[in-house]
Protein backbone atom coordinates (compact mmCIF):
# COMPACT_ATOMS: atom_id res chain seq x y z
CA UNK A 1 2.08 -1.69 14.52
CA UNK A 2 0.92 -2.29 18.23
CA UNK A 3 -1.02 0.97 17.67
CA UNK A 4 -2.77 -0.19 14.78
CA UNK A 5 -3.45 -3.90 16.53
CA UNK A 6 -4.72 -1.92 19.35
CA UNK A 7 -7.71 -0.55 17.09
CA UNK A 8 -8.21 -3.56 15.18
CA UNK A 9 -6.32 -2.11 11.88
CA UNK A 10 -3.92 -4.60 10.37
CA UNK A 11 0.14 -3.32 9.10
CA UNK A 12 1.22 -4.93 5.69
CA UNK A 13 3.93 -3.40 4.88
CA UNK A 14 5.13 -3.50 1.08
CA UNK A 15 9.12 -3.28 0.34
CA UNK A 16 10.18 -2.09 -2.97
CA UNK A 17 12.73 -5.17 -3.44
CA UNK A 18 9.78 -6.71 -3.75
CA UNK A 19 8.86 -5.52 -7.49
CA UNK A 20 5.93 -3.81 -8.70
CA UNK A 21 3.93 -6.91 -9.38
CA UNK A 22 4.48 -8.65 -6.02
CA UNK A 23 3.33 -5.06 -4.35
CA UNK A 24 0.18 -5.01 -6.90
CA UNK A 25 -0.54 -8.29 -5.78
CA UNK A 26 -0.72 -7.51 -2.29
CA UNK A 27 -2.02 -4.76 -2.25
CA UNK A 28 -5.49 -6.25 -4.42
CA UNK A 29 -5.33 -9.45 -2.07
CA UNK A 30 -5.04 -7.74 1.42
CA UNK A 31 -8.01 -5.14 0.86
CA UNK A 32 -5.67 -1.82 1.60
CA UNK A 33 -7.95 1.14 1.43
CA UNK A 34 -5.04 3.29 2.99
CA UNK A 35 -1.36 3.62 1.98
CA UNK A 36 1.34 5.72 3.37
CA UNK A 37 3.94 6.01 0.96
CA UNK A 38 7.92 7.53 0.56
CA UNK A 39 7.83 10.77 -0.88
CA UNK A 40 10.24 9.44 -3.32
CA UNK A 41 8.13 6.62 -4.04
CA UNK A 42 5.09 8.69 -4.98
CA UNK A 43 5.29 8.30 -8.61
CA UNK A 44 5.58 4.57 -8.80
CA UNK A 45 2.85 4.49 -6.74
CA UNK A 46 0.42 6.35 -8.67
CA UNK A 47 1.56 4.20 -11.45
CA UNK A 48 0.25 1.38 -9.74
CA UNK A 49 -2.89 3.18 -9.15
CA UNK A 50 -4.05 2.95 -12.47
CA UNK A 51 -4.43 -0.90 -12.40
CA UNK A 52 -5.23 -0.89 -8.27
CA UNK A 53 -8.69 0.15 -7.49
CA UNK A 54 -8.80 -0.76 -4.03
CA UNK A 55 -7.01 1.80 -2.30
CA UNK A 56 -9.05 5.06 -1.74
CA UNK A 57 -6.22 7.16 -0.21
CA UNK A 58 -3.08 7.59 -0.42
CA UNK A 59 -0.52 9.91 2.07
CA UNK A 60 2.93 10.77 1.59
């Protein structure tokens, strides 16, 4: 997180225990443009991508 802050970037952690609705809400309201995703969670995140258009890039 310190590296992100040094470059003026903000880290927004998303925990799967929050549920898909909360994660979708956070992504939409935090203006997230890139998301780093655990490999086994990619299918779940790709389903969210159908509803969330603000994220332009996903990285596993």
